[in-house]
Amino acid sequence: MNNTPKYSIPADVKGLIFDLDGTLLNSMPLHWLAWQISFRRYDVELDFDEFMTLAGKAKEKIAAYFIEKFHLENKTNAEDIFKEKDRIVWDEIDKVEPITPVVNVAKEYFGKIPMSIGTGADRYRAEHMLRASGLLHMFPVIVAADDVSNHKPAPDTFLRCAQLMGVAPEQCLVFEDAISGLKAAEAAHMKWIKVE
């Protein structure tokens, strides 16, 4: 991020919810690269804009979407695709940089109001990334893909965050970069800020 926006938090906000990939941590370029490599084995080139419409969804759903789109059902399956994708991500995951303006908000409000992570990543990877970035201690509440049945754009992830923080949904503010996450925040009747 070249410009460094200063995010202001409305006075009626009593809880902050942060998406992880592309919001707190600049991991989206790594995920995009890993998805591309995983599908290139089948002579498929993914479109970035189309990929970004799926960002924030569970990896199983992303893999299944592209397998169906490119008629790869007889060549591979979602599990094989996302296992390869995860292997590539894990090789580089500790190099992911924080998104400073958003991390600064978390640091400013840490200990002042409840904060949580609402992510489409699985819990193991989410906790590893937060630990590697020195941020894990700031987020006692993490709702990951393993914790809900209906992923973004369904509101379940963020509603569970609000419940565990003990904050009414309408008093929560969500930081998100993905369209599916913004739709989830709206469905949960929460305020939101789009992280560019």
N, C-alpha and C. Protein backbone atom coordinates (compact mmCIF):
# COMPACT_ATOMS: atom_id res chain seq x y z
N MET A 1 0.84 -1.18 0.00
CA MET A 1 0.00 0.00 0.00
C MET A 1 0.88 1.24 0.00
N ASN A 2 0.82 2.01 -1.06
CA ASN A 2 1.66 3.19 -1.16
C ASN A 2 1.17 4.32 -0.26
N ASN A 3 -0.12 4.62 -0.35
CA ASN A 3 -0.64 5.63 0.56
C ASN A 3 -0.98 4.93 1.88
N THR A 4 -0.90 5.66 2.96
CA THR A 4 -1.16 5.04 4.25
C THR A 4 -2.41 5.67 4.86
N PRO A 5 -3.58 5.08 4.57
CA PRO A 5 -4.81 5.65 5.10
C PRO A 5 -4.86 5.57 6.62
N LYS A 6 -5.52 6.53 7.20
CA LYS A 6 -5.76 6.52 8.64
C LYS A 6 -7.23 6.21 8.82
N TYR A 7 -7.50 5.07 9.40
CA TYR A 7 -8.88 4.66 9.57
C TYR A 7 -9.43 5.24 10.87
N SER A 8 -10.63 5.79 10.79
CA SER A 8 -11.27 6.31 12.00
C SER A 8 -12.40 5.37 12.42
N ILE A 9 -12.50 5.16 13.70
CA ILE A 9 -13.48 4.23 14.25
C ILE A 9 -14.63 5.03 14.86
N PRO A 10 -15.86 4.84 14.38
CA PRO A 10 -17.00 5.57 14.95
C PRO A 10 -17.14 5.30 16.45
N ALA A 11 -17.65 6.28 17.16
CA ALA A 11 -17.74 6.21 18.62
C ALA A 11 -18.66 5.09 19.09
N ASP A 12 -19.67 4.71 18.27
CA ASP A 12 -20.61 3.68 18.71
C ASP A 12 -20.12 2.26 18.46
N VAL A 13 -18.91 2.11 17.93
CA VAL A 13 -18.35 0.78 17.68
C VAL A 13 -17.79 0.22 18.98
N LYS A 14 -18.22 -0.97 19.33
CA LYS A 14 -17.80 -1.62 20.58
C LYS A 14 -16.95 -2.86 20.35
N GLY A 15 -16.76 -3.25 19.08
CA GLY A 15 -15.96 -4.42 18.77
C GLY A 15 -15.42 -4.34 17.35
N LEU A 16 -14.20 -4.79 17.17
CA LEU A 16 -13.56 -4.79 15.85
C LEU A 16 -13.33 -6.22 15.39
N ILE A 17 -13.65 -6.46 14.12
CA ILE A 17 -13.43 -7.77 13.50
C ILE A 17 -12.55 -7.56 12.28
N PHE A 18 -11.48 -8.34 12.21
CA PHE A 18 -10.53 -8.22 11.11
C PHE A 18 -10.50 -9.51 10.31
N ASP A 19 -10.65 -9.39 9.00
CA ASP A 19 -10.28 -10.48 8.11
C ASP A 19 -8.76 -10.60 8.18
N LEU A 20 -8.22 -11.72 7.74
CA LEU A 20 -6.77 -11.93 7.86
C LEU A 20 -6.05 -11.70 6.53
N ASP A 21 -6.29 -12.57 5.56
CA ASP A 21 -5.58 -12.49 4.28
C ASP A 21 -6.02 -11.27 3.48
N GLY A 22 -5.07 -10.40 3.17
CA GLY A 22 -5.37 -9.22 2.38
C GLY A 22 -5.91 -8.05 3.19
N THR A 23 -6.08 -8.27 4.49
CA THR A 23 -6.61 -7.21 5.36
C THR A 23 -5.60 -6.86 6.44
N LEU A 24 -5.27 -7.82 7.30
CA LEU A 24 -4.21 -7.60 8.29
C LEU A 24 -2.83 -7.91 7.70
N LEU A 25 -2.80 -8.94 6.87
CA LEU A 25 -1.53 -9.40 6.30
C LEU A 25 -1.62 -9.41 4.78
N ASN A 26 -0.54 -8.98 4.14
CA ASN A 26 -0.51 -8.86 2.68
C ASN A 26 -0.20 -10.21 2.03
N SER A 27 -1.09 -11.17 2.26
CA SER A 27 -0.86 -12.53 1.80
C SER A 27 -1.56 -12.85 0.48
N MET A 28 -2.41 -11.96 -0.01
CA MET A 28 -3.15 -12.27 -1.23
C MET A 28 -2.25 -12.52 -2.45
N PRO A 29 -1.16 -11.77 -2.65
CA PRO A 29 -0.29 -12.10 -3.79
C PRO A 29 0.26 -13.53 -3.72
N LEU A 30 0.57 -13.99 -2.50
CA LEU A 30 1.06 -15.35 -2.34
C LEU A 30 -0.03 -16.36 -2.66
N HIS A 31 -1.24 -16.12 -2.18
CA HIS A 31 -2.34 -17.05 -2.48
C HIS A 31 -2.64 -17.08 -3.97
N TRP A 32 -2.64 -15.93 -4.61
CA TRP A 32 -2.90 -15.86 -6.05
C TRP A 32 -1.86 -16.66 -6.81
N LEU A 33 -0.60 -16.50 -6.47
CA LEU A 33 0.47 -17.25 -7.12
C LEU A 33 0.27 -18.76 -6.92
N ALA A 34 -0.07 -19.15 -5.69
CA ALA A 34 -0.23 -20.57 -5.39
C ALA A 34 -1.40 -21.19 -6.15
N TRP A 35 -2.51 -20.46 -6.26
CA TRP A 35 -3.64 -20.98 -7.04
C TRP A 35 -3.25 -21.11 -8.52
N GLN A 36 -2.54 -20.13 -9.04
CA GLN A 36 -2.14 -20.20 -10.46
C GLN A 36 -1.27 -21.42 -10.72
N ILE A 37 -0.27 -21.63 -9.88
CA ILE A 37 0.65 -22.76 -10.06
C ILE A 37 -0.12 -24.08 -9.96
N SER A 38 -1.04 -24.15 -9.02
CA SER A 38 -1.79 -25.40 -8.81
C SER A 38 -2.63 -25.78 -10.03
N PHE A 39 -3.16 -24.78 -10.74
CA PHE A 39 -4.00 -25.08 -11.91
C PHE A 39 -3.21 -25.15 -13.20
N ARG A 40 -2.03 -24.55 -13.23
CA ARG A 40 -1.22 -24.61 -14.46
C ARG A 40 -0.80 -26.04 -14.79
N ARG A 41 -0.77 -26.90 -13.81
CA ARG A 41 -0.46 -28.31 -14.07
C ARG A 41 -1.47 -28.92 -15.03
N TYR A 42 -2.65 -28.29 -15.13
CA TYR A 42 -3.71 -28.79 -16.01
C TYR A 42 -3.93 -27.85 -17.18
N ASP A 43 -2.89 -27.06 -17.50
CA ASP A 43 -2.93 -26.12 -18.63
C ASP A 43 -4.09 -25.11 -18.51
N VAL A 44 -4.32 -24.66 -17.30
CA VAL A 44 -5.38 -23.68 -17.04
C VAL A 44 -4.74 -22.40 -16.52
N GLU A 45 -5.13 -21.28 -17.12
CA GLU A 45 -4.70 -19.97 -16.63
C GLU A 45 -5.89 -19.29 -15.96
N LEU A 46 -5.74 -18.94 -14.70
CA LEU A 46 -6.81 -18.29 -13.96
C LEU A 46 -6.82 -16.80 -14.24
N ASP A 47 -8.00 -16.21 -14.12
CA ASP A 47 -8.16 -14.77 -14.30
C ASP A 47 -8.16 -14.10 -12.93
N PHE A 48 -7.33 -13.08 -12.75
CA PHE A 48 -7.17 -12.45 -11.45
C PHE A 48 -8.48 -11.83 -10.95
N ASP A 49 -9.17 -11.11 -11.82
CA ASP A 49 -10.41 -10.46 -11.38
C ASP A 49 -11.45 -11.49 -10.95
N GLU A 50 -11.53 -12.58 -11.68
CA GLU A 50 -12.47 -13.63 -11.30
C GLU A 50 -12.05 -14.26 -9.98
N PHE A 51 -10.76 -14.49 -9.81
CA PHE A 51 -10.25 -15.03 -8.56
C PHE A 51 -10.62 -14.13 -7.39
N MET A 52 -10.50 -12.83 -7.57
CA MET A 52 -10.77 -11.90 -6.47
C MET A 52 -12.25 -11.89 -6.08
N THR A 53 -13.14 -12.28 -6.99
CA THR A 53 -14.55 -12.38 -6.60
C THR A 53 -14.78 -13.56 -5.66
N LEU A 54 -13.84 -14.49 -5.65
CA LEU A 54 -13.95 -15.68 -4.78
C LEU A 54 -13.14 -15.54 -3.50
N ALA A 55 -12.28 -14.52 -3.43
CA ALA A 55 -11.41 -14.34 -2.28
C ALA A 55 -12.24 -14.26 -1.01
N GLY A 56 -11.76 -14.92 0.03
CA GLY A 56 -12.47 -14.93 1.30
C GLY A 56 -13.31 -16.18 1.49
N LYS A 57 -13.58 -16.89 0.40
CA LYS A 57 -14.34 -18.12 0.51
C LYS A 57 -13.40 -19.26 0.92
N ALA A 58 -13.98 -20.33 1.41
CA ALA A 58 -13.19 -21.50 1.80
C ALA A 58 -12.45 -22.06 0.59
N LYS A 59 -11.24 -22.55 0.82
CA LYS A 59 -10.40 -23.04 -0.29
C LYS A 59 -11.06 -24.19 -1.04
N GLU A 60 -11.85 -25.02 -0.33
CA GLU A 60 -12.54 -26.13 -0.98
C GLU A 60 -13.50 -25.60 -2.05
N LYS A 61 -14.18 -24.50 -1.73
CA LYS A 61 -15.15 -23.94 -2.67
C LYS A 61 -14.46 -23.28 -3.85
N ILE A 62 -13.33 -22.63 -3.61
CA ILE A 62 -12.57 -22.01 -4.71
C ILE A 62 -12.07 -23.09 -5.67
N ALA A 63 -11.48 -24.14 -5.10
CA ALA A 63 -10.97 -25.23 -5.94
C ALA A 63 -12.10 -25.86 -6.74
N ALA A 64 -13.22 -26.15 -6.08
CA ALA A 64 -14.35 -26.79 -6.76
C ALA A 64 -14.90 -25.91 -7.88
N TYR A 65 -14.93 -24.60 -7.64
CA TYR A 65 -15.43 -23.67 -8.65
C TYR A 65 -14.62 -23.76 -9.95
N PHE A 66 -13.29 -23.70 -9.82
CA PHE A 66 -12.45 -23.71 -11.02
C PHE A 66 -12.38 -25.10 -11.65
N ILE A 67 -12.46 -26.15 -10.86
CA ILE A 67 -12.49 -27.50 -11.42
C ILE A 67 -13.72 -27.66 -12.31
N GLU A 68 -14.86 -27.18 -11.82
CA GLU A 68 -16.09 -27.27 -12.62
C GLU A 68 -16.01 -26.37 -13.84
N LYS A 69 -15.53 -25.15 -13.66
CA LYS A 69 -15.47 -24.20 -14.77
C LYS A 69 -14.62 -24.74 -15.93
N PHE A 70 -13.49 -25.36 -15.58
CA PHE A 70 -12.56 -25.83 -16.62
C PHE A 70 -12.70 -27.34 -16.90
N HIS A 71 -13.76 -27.95 -16.41
CA HIS A 71 -14.08 -29.36 -16.70
C HIS A 71 -12.91 -30.28 -16.38
N LEU A 72 -12.40 -30.15 -15.16
CA LEU A 72 -11.25 -30.95 -14.74
C LEU A 72 -11.66 -32.12 -13.84
N GLU A 73 -12.95 -32.43 -13.77
CA GLU A 73 -13.45 -33.45 -12.85
C GLU A 73 -12.78 -34.81 -13.04
N ASN A 74 -12.40 -35.12 -14.28
CA ASN A 74 -11.77 -36.42 -14.54
C ASN A 74 -10.25 -36.39 -14.38
N LYS A 75 -9.70 -35.21 -14.09
CA LYS A 75 -8.25 -35.07 -13.98
C LYS A 75 -7.77 -34.82 -12.55
N THR A 76 -8.63 -34.21 -11.74
CA THR A 76 -8.20 -33.86 -10.39
C THR A 76 -9.44 -33.68 -9.52
N ASN A 77 -9.22 -33.32 -8.27
CA ASN A 77 -10.32 -33.01 -7.36
C ASN A 77 -9.92 -31.86 -6.46
N ALA A 78 -10.88 -31.32 -5.74
CA ALA A 78 -10.63 -30.12 -4.93
C ALA A 78 -9.53 -30.36 -3.91
N GLU A 79 -9.53 -31.53 -3.29
CA GLU A 79 -8.52 -31.80 -2.25
C GLU A 79 -7.11 -31.79 -2.83
N ASP A 80 -6.91 -32.42 -3.98
CA ASP A 80 -5.58 -32.43 -4.60
C ASP A 80 -5.14 -31.01 -4.95
N ILE A 81 -6.07 -30.21 -5.46
CA ILE A 81 -5.73 -28.84 -5.84
C ILE A 81 -5.32 -28.03 -4.62
N PHE A 82 -6.15 -28.02 -3.58
CA PHE A 82 -5.81 -27.14 -2.46
C PHE A 82 -4.67 -27.69 -1.61
N LYS A 83 -4.39 -28.99 -1.68
CA LYS A 83 -3.19 -29.50 -1.00
C LYS A 83 -1.93 -28.95 -1.66
N GLU A 84 -1.93 -28.94 -2.99
CA GLU A 84 -0.79 -28.37 -3.72
C GLU A 84 -0.70 -26.87 -3.46
N LYS A 85 -1.84 -26.19 -3.49
CA LYS A 85 -1.87 -24.75 -3.21
C LYS A 85 -1.32 -24.47 -1.81
N ASP A 86 -1.77 -25.24 -0.81
CA ASP A 86 -1.31 -25.04 0.57
C ASP A 86 0.19 -25.30 0.71
N ARG A 87 0.70 -26.30 -0.02
CA ARG A 87 2.13 -26.60 0.05
C ARG A 87 2.95 -25.39 -0.42
N ILE A 88 2.52 -24.77 -1.50
CA ILE A 88 3.22 -23.60 -2.04
C ILE A 88 3.15 -22.44 -1.04
N VAL A 89 1.96 -22.22 -0.46
CA VAL A 89 1.79 -21.14 0.51
C VAL A 89 2.67 -21.36 1.73
N TRP A 90 2.69 -22.58 2.25
CA TRP A 90 3.48 -22.85 3.46
C TRP A 90 4.96 -22.60 3.25
N ASP A 91 5.45 -22.81 2.03
CA ASP A 91 6.86 -22.58 1.75
C ASP A 91 7.26 -21.12 1.93
N GLU A 92 6.30 -20.22 1.75
CA GLU A 92 6.60 -18.78 1.77
C GLU A 92 5.86 -18.00 2.86
N ILE A 93 5.08 -18.68 3.68
CA ILE A 93 4.12 -17.99 4.54
C ILE A 93 4.78 -17.06 5.57
N ASP A 94 5.98 -17.41 6.04
CA ASP A 94 6.61 -16.59 7.07
C ASP A 94 7.17 -15.29 6.52
N LYS A 95 7.14 -15.13 5.20
CA LYS A 95 7.65 -13.89 4.59
C LYS A 95 6.55 -12.85 4.37
N VAL A 96 5.31 -13.20 4.70
CA VAL A 96 4.19 -12.29 4.47
C VAL A 96 4.30 -11.07 5.39
N GLU A 97 4.11 -9.89 4.81
CA GLU A 97 4.24 -8.63 5.54
C GLU A 97 2.89 -8.16 6.08
N PRO A 98 2.89 -7.46 7.21
CA PRO A 98 1.64 -6.88 7.70
C PRO A 98 1.19 -5.71 6.83
N ILE A 99 -0.10 -5.43 6.83
CA ILE A 99 -0.65 -4.24 6.17
C ILE A 99 -0.72 -3.17 7.26
N THR A 100 0.27 -2.30 7.25
CA THR A 100 0.55 -1.41 8.37
C THR A 100 -0.63 -0.57 8.83
N PRO A 101 -1.37 0.11 7.94
CA PRO A 101 -2.48 0.95 8.44
C PRO A 101 -3.52 0.17 9.23
N VAL A 102 -3.78 -1.06 8.82
CA VAL A 102 -4.78 -1.88 9.51
C VAL A 102 -4.21 -2.41 10.82
N VAL A 103 -2.97 -2.87 10.78
CA VAL A 103 -2.32 -3.35 12.00
C VAL A 103 -2.24 -2.21 13.02
N ASN A 104 -2.01 -1.00 12.55
CA ASN A 104 -1.96 0.15 13.47
C ASN A 104 -3.28 0.36 14.20
N VAL A 105 -4.41 0.12 13.50
CA VAL A 105 -5.71 0.21 14.16
C VAL A 105 -5.80 -0.84 15.27
N ALA A 106 -5.41 -2.06 14.94
CA ALA A 106 -5.47 -3.13 15.94
C ALA A 106 -4.60 -2.79 17.15
N LYS A 107 -3.42 -2.25 16.91
CA LYS A 107 -2.54 -1.89 18.02
C LYS A 107 -3.13 -0.76 18.86
N GLU A 108 -3.77 0.20 18.18
CA GLU A 108 -4.36 1.33 18.89
C GLU A 108 -5.50 0.91 19.80
N TYR A 109 -6.30 -0.08 19.37
CA TYR A 109 -7.49 -0.47 20.13
C TYR A 109 -7.29 -1.72 20.96
N PHE A 110 -6.12 -2.33 20.88
CA PHE A 110 -5.82 -3.53 21.67
C PHE A 110 -5.95 -3.21 23.16
N GLY A 111 -6.77 -3.99 23.86
CA GLY A 111 -6.97 -3.78 25.28
C GLY A 111 -8.02 -2.74 25.61
N LYS A 112 -8.52 -2.04 24.59
CA LYS A 112 -9.53 -0.99 24.82
C LYS A 112 -10.94 -1.49 24.49
N ILE A 113 -11.07 -2.19 23.37
CA ILE A 113 -12.35 -2.81 23.02
C ILE A 113 -12.06 -4.22 22.49
N PRO A 114 -13.05 -5.12 22.55
CA PRO A 114 -12.82 -6.48 22.05
C PRO A 114 -12.47 -6.48 20.55
N MET A 115 -11.57 -7.39 20.20
CA MET A 115 -11.16 -7.55 18.79
C MET A 115 -11.13 -9.04 18.47
N SER A 116 -11.38 -9.35 17.21
CA SER A 116 -11.36 -10.74 16.77
C SER A 116 -10.91 -10.84 15.32
N ILE A 117 -10.59 -12.05 14.94
CA ILE A 117 -10.27 -12.40 13.55
C ILE A 117 -11.42 -13.24 13.01
N GLY A 118 -11.93 -12.87 11.82
CA GLY A 118 -12.93 -13.67 11.13
C GLY A 118 -12.39 -14.00 9.75
N THR A 119 -11.92 -15.23 9.56
CA THR A 119 -11.17 -15.58 8.35
C THR A 119 -11.71 -16.82 7.65
N GLY A 120 -11.48 -16.88 6.35
CA GLY A 120 -11.79 -18.08 5.58
C GLY A 120 -10.66 -19.09 5.61
N ALA A 121 -9.55 -18.73 6.27
CA ALA A 121 -8.42 -19.66 6.42
C ALA A 121 -8.75 -20.69 7.50
N ASP A 122 -8.09 -21.84 7.45
CA ASP A 122 -8.26 -22.79 8.54
C ASP A 122 -7.52 -22.28 9.78
N ARG A 123 -7.92 -22.76 10.94
CA ARG A 123 -7.39 -22.24 12.20
C ARG A 123 -5.87 -22.41 12.31
N TYR A 124 -5.36 -23.55 11.90
CA TYR A 124 -3.92 -23.79 12.04
C TYR A 124 -3.11 -22.75 11.28
N ARG A 125 -3.52 -22.49 10.02
CA ARG A 125 -2.77 -21.50 9.23
C ARG A 125 -2.97 -20.10 9.77
N ALA A 126 -4.20 -19.78 10.18
CA ALA A 126 -4.47 -18.43 10.71
C ALA A 126 -3.62 -18.16 11.95
N GLU A 127 -3.58 -19.11 12.86
CA GLU A 127 -2.80 -18.92 14.08
C GLU A 127 -1.31 -18.85 13.77
N HIS A 128 -0.86 -19.66 12.82
CA HIS A 128 0.56 -19.63 12.45
C HIS A 128 0.94 -18.26 11.88
N MET A 129 0.10 -17.73 10.98
CA MET A 129 0.40 -16.44 10.37
C MET A 129 0.41 -15.32 11.41
N LEU A 130 -0.56 -15.34 12.31
CA LEU A 130 -0.62 -14.32 13.36
C LEU A 130 0.58 -14.43 14.30
N ARG A 131 0.95 -15.66 14.62
CA ARG A 131 2.11 -15.86 15.50
C ARG A 131 3.39 -15.37 14.82
N ALA A 132 3.56 -15.72 13.54
CA ALA A 132 4.77 -15.32 12.80
C ALA A 132 4.85 -13.80 12.67
N SER A 133 3.69 -13.13 12.67
CA SER A 133 3.65 -11.67 12.53
C SER A 133 3.68 -10.95 13.87
N GLY A 134 3.71 -11.71 14.95
CA GLY A 134 3.73 -11.10 16.28
C GLY A 134 2.40 -10.51 16.71
N LEU A 135 1.30 -10.98 16.11
CA LEU A 135 -0.01 -10.39 16.38
C LEU A 135 -0.96 -11.33 17.13
N LEU A 136 -0.58 -12.57 17.32
CA LEU A 136 -1.51 -13.56 17.86
C LEU A 136 -2.07 -13.15 19.22
N HIS A 137 -1.23 -12.57 20.07
CA HIS A 137 -1.66 -12.22 21.43
C HIS A 137 -2.78 -11.18 21.45
N MET A 138 -2.95 -10.46 20.36
CA MET A 138 -3.95 -9.39 20.31
C MET A 138 -5.35 -9.90 20.01
N PHE A 139 -5.46 -11.17 19.61
CA PHE A 139 -6.74 -11.68 19.14
C PHE A 139 -7.14 -12.97 19.88
N PRO A 140 -7.75 -12.81 21.07
CA PRO A 140 -8.19 -14.00 21.80
C PRO A 140 -9.32 -14.74 21.10
N VAL A 141 -10.02 -14.03 20.23
CA VAL A 141 -11.12 -14.65 19.48
C VAL A 141 -10.71 -14.78 18.01
N ILE A 142 -10.67 -16.01 17.54
CA ILE A 142 -10.42 -16.29 16.12
C ILE A 142 -11.52 -17.24 15.64
N VAL A 143 -12.24 -16.81 14.62
CA VAL A 143 -13.23 -17.69 13.99
C VAL A 143 -12.70 -18.00 12.59
N ALA A 144 -12.37 -19.27 12.39
CA ALA A 144 -11.74 -19.72 11.15
C ALA A 144 -12.72 -20.58 10.34
N ALA A 145 -12.25 -21.02 9.19
CA ALA A 145 -13.12 -21.81 8.30
C ALA A 145 -13.63 -23.07 8.99
N ASP A 146 -12.82 -23.64 9.88
CA ASP A 146 -13.23 -24.88 10.56
C ASP A 146 -14.34 -24.65 11.58
N ASP A 147 -14.59 -23.40 11.93
CA ASP A 147 -15.52 -23.11 13.03
C ASP A 147 -16.95 -22.86 12.59
N VAL A 148 -17.19 -22.72 11.29
CA VAL A 148 -18.55 -22.45 10.79
C VAL A 148 -18.84 -23.36 9.60
N SER A 149 -20.12 -23.63 9.40
CA SER A 149 -20.53 -24.45 8.26
C SER A 149 -20.72 -23.61 7.01
N ASN A 150 -21.22 -22.38 7.20
CA ASN A 150 -21.49 -21.49 6.07
C ASN A 150 -20.46 -20.38 6.06
N HIS A 151 -19.64 -20.36 5.02
CA HIS A 151 -18.55 -19.39 4.93
C HIS A 151 -19.00 -18.12 4.22
N LYS A 152 -18.16 -17.10 4.27
CA LYS A 152 -18.44 -15.85 3.57
C LYS A 152 -18.80 -16.17 2.12
N PRO A 153 -19.83 -15.54 1.56
CA PRO A 153 -20.51 -14.32 1.99
C PRO A 153 -21.64 -14.51 3.01
N ALA A 154 -21.84 -15.73 3.52
CA ALA A 154 -22.79 -15.91 4.62
C ALA A 154 -22.25 -15.15 5.84
N PRO A 155 -23.11 -14.67 6.72
CA PRO A 155 -22.68 -13.85 7.85
C PRO A 155 -22.14 -14.65 9.03
N ASP A 156 -22.17 -15.97 8.96
CA ASP A 156 -21.90 -16.82 10.13
C ASP A 156 -20.56 -16.53 10.81
N THR A 157 -19.51 -16.34 10.00
CA THR A 157 -18.17 -16.10 10.58
C THR A 157 -18.19 -14.86 11.46
N PHE A 158 -18.72 -13.78 10.94
CA PHE A 158 -18.70 -12.52 11.68
C PHE A 158 -19.69 -12.53 12.84
N LEU A 159 -20.84 -13.20 12.68
CA LEU A 159 -21.79 -13.30 13.79
C LEU A 159 -21.20 -14.10 14.94
N ARG A 160 -20.43 -15.12 14.59
CA ARG A 160 -19.76 -15.91 15.64
C ARG A 160 -18.71 -15.07 16.35
N CYS A 161 -17.97 -14.25 15.60
CA CYS A 161 -17.01 -13.32 16.22
C CYS A 161 -17.72 -12.42 17.23
N ALA A 162 -18.82 -11.81 16.80
CA ALA A 162 -19.57 -10.90 17.68
C ALA A 162 -20.03 -11.62 18.94
N GLN A 163 -20.55 -12.83 18.75
CA GLN A 163 -21.03 -13.61 19.89
C GLN A 163 -19.90 -13.88 20.89
N LEU A 164 -18.76 -14.33 20.39
CA LEU A 164 -17.64 -14.66 21.27
C LEU A 164 -17.03 -13.43 21.92
N MET A 165 -17.13 -12.27 21.26
CA MET A 165 -16.64 -11.03 21.85
C MET A 165 -17.64 -10.44 22.85
N GLY A 166 -18.91 -10.90 22.77
CA GLY A 166 -19.94 -10.36 23.63
C GLY A 166 -20.41 -8.98 23.19
N VAL A 167 -20.39 -8.76 21.86
CA VAL A 167 -20.75 -7.46 21.30
C VAL A 167 -21.90 -7.67 20.32
N ALA A 168 -22.89 -6.79 20.36
CA ALA A 168 -24.01 -6.87 19.42
C ALA A 168 -23.50 -6.66 18.00
N PRO A 169 -24.01 -7.41 17.02
CA PRO A 169 -23.53 -7.27 15.64
C PRO A 169 -23.54 -5.83 15.13
N GLU A 170 -24.60 -5.07 15.44
CA GLU A 170 -24.69 -3.71 14.92
C GLU A 170 -23.67 -2.76 15.56
N GLN A 171 -22.98 -3.23 16.60
CA GLN A 171 -21.94 -2.43 17.24
C GLN A 171 -20.53 -2.88 16.83
N CYS A 172 -20.48 -3.77 15.83
CA CYS A 172 -19.19 -4.26 15.33
C CYS A 172 -18.80 -3.55 14.04
N LEU A 173 -17.50 -3.39 13.86
CA LEU A 173 -16.94 -2.84 12.63
C LEU A 173 -15.99 -3.88 12.04
N VAL A 174 -16.22 -4.22 10.78
CA VAL A 174 -15.43 -5.24 10.09
C VAL A 174 -14.45 -4.58 9.14
N PHE A 175 -13.20 -5.02 9.18
CA PHE A 175 -12.19 -4.64 8.20
C PHE A 175 -12.06 -5.80 7.23
N GLU A 176 -12.27 -5.53 5.94
CA GLU A 176 -12.29 -6.59 4.91
C GLU A 176 -11.71 -6.06 3.60
N ASP A 177 -11.14 -6.96 2.81
CA ASP A 177 -10.66 -6.59 1.48
C ASP A 177 -11.47 -7.26 0.38
N ALA A 178 -12.18 -8.34 0.70
CA ALA A 178 -12.82 -9.16 -0.32
C ALA A 178 -14.32 -8.88 -0.41
N ILE A 179 -14.85 -8.96 -1.62
CA ILE A 179 -16.27 -8.74 -1.85
C ILE A 179 -17.12 -9.69 -1.02
N SER A 180 -16.73 -10.96 -0.96
CA SER A 180 -17.51 -11.93 -0.19
C SER A 180 -17.54 -11.56 1.29
N GLY A 181 -16.44 -11.01 1.79
CA GLY A 181 -16.39 -10.59 3.19
C GLY A 181 -17.24 -9.37 3.46
N LEU A 182 -17.25 -8.43 2.51
CA LEU A 182 -18.09 -7.25 2.67
C LEU A 182 -19.57 -7.63 2.65
N LYS A 183 -19.91 -8.57 1.78
CA LYS A 183 -21.30 -9.05 1.74
C LYS A 183 -21.66 -9.74 3.06
N ALA A 184 -20.71 -10.47 3.62
CA ALA A 184 -20.94 -11.14 4.90
C ALA A 184 -21.17 -10.12 6.01
N ALA A 185 -20.39 -9.05 6.01
CA ALA A 185 -20.55 -8.00 7.02
C ALA A 185 -21.93 -7.34 6.90
N GLU A 186 -22.34 -7.07 5.66
CA GLU A 186 -23.65 -6.46 5.46
C GLU A 186 -24.77 -7.41 5.89
N ALA A 187 -24.61 -8.69 5.58
CA ALA A 187 -25.62 -9.67 5.97
C ALA A 187 -25.71 -9.81 7.48
N ALA A 188 -24.60 -9.53 8.17
CA ALA A 188 -24.57 -9.59 9.64
C ALA A 188 -25.03 -8.28 10.27
N HIS A 189 -25.37 -7.29 9.44
CA HIS A 189 -25.80 -5.95 9.90
C HIS A 189 -24.70 -5.25 10.68
N MET A 190 -23.48 -5.38 10.16
CA MET A 190 -22.32 -4.75 10.78
C MET A 190 -21.81 -3.61 9.90
N LYS A 191 -21.17 -2.63 10.51
CA LYS A 191 -20.46 -1.61 9.76
C LYS A 191 -19.22 -2.26 9.16
N TRP A 192 -18.69 -1.70 8.07
CA TRP A 192 -17.49 -2.27 7.48
C TRP A 192 -16.63 -1.20 6.85
N ILE A 193 -15.35 -1.52 6.74
CA ILE A 193 -14.38 -0.70 6.02
C ILE A 193 -13.68 -1.59 5.02
N LYS A 194 -13.67 -1.15 3.76
CA LYS A 194 -12.97 -1.92 2.72
C LYS A 194 -11.50 -1.53 2.72
N VAL A 195 -10.65 -2.54 2.88
CA VAL A 195 -9.20 -2.34 2.85
C VAL A 195 -8.73 -2.50 1.42
N GLU A 196 -8.14 -1.47 0.86
CA GLU A 196 -7.69 -1.50 -0.54
C GLU A 196 -6.25 -1.98 -0.64
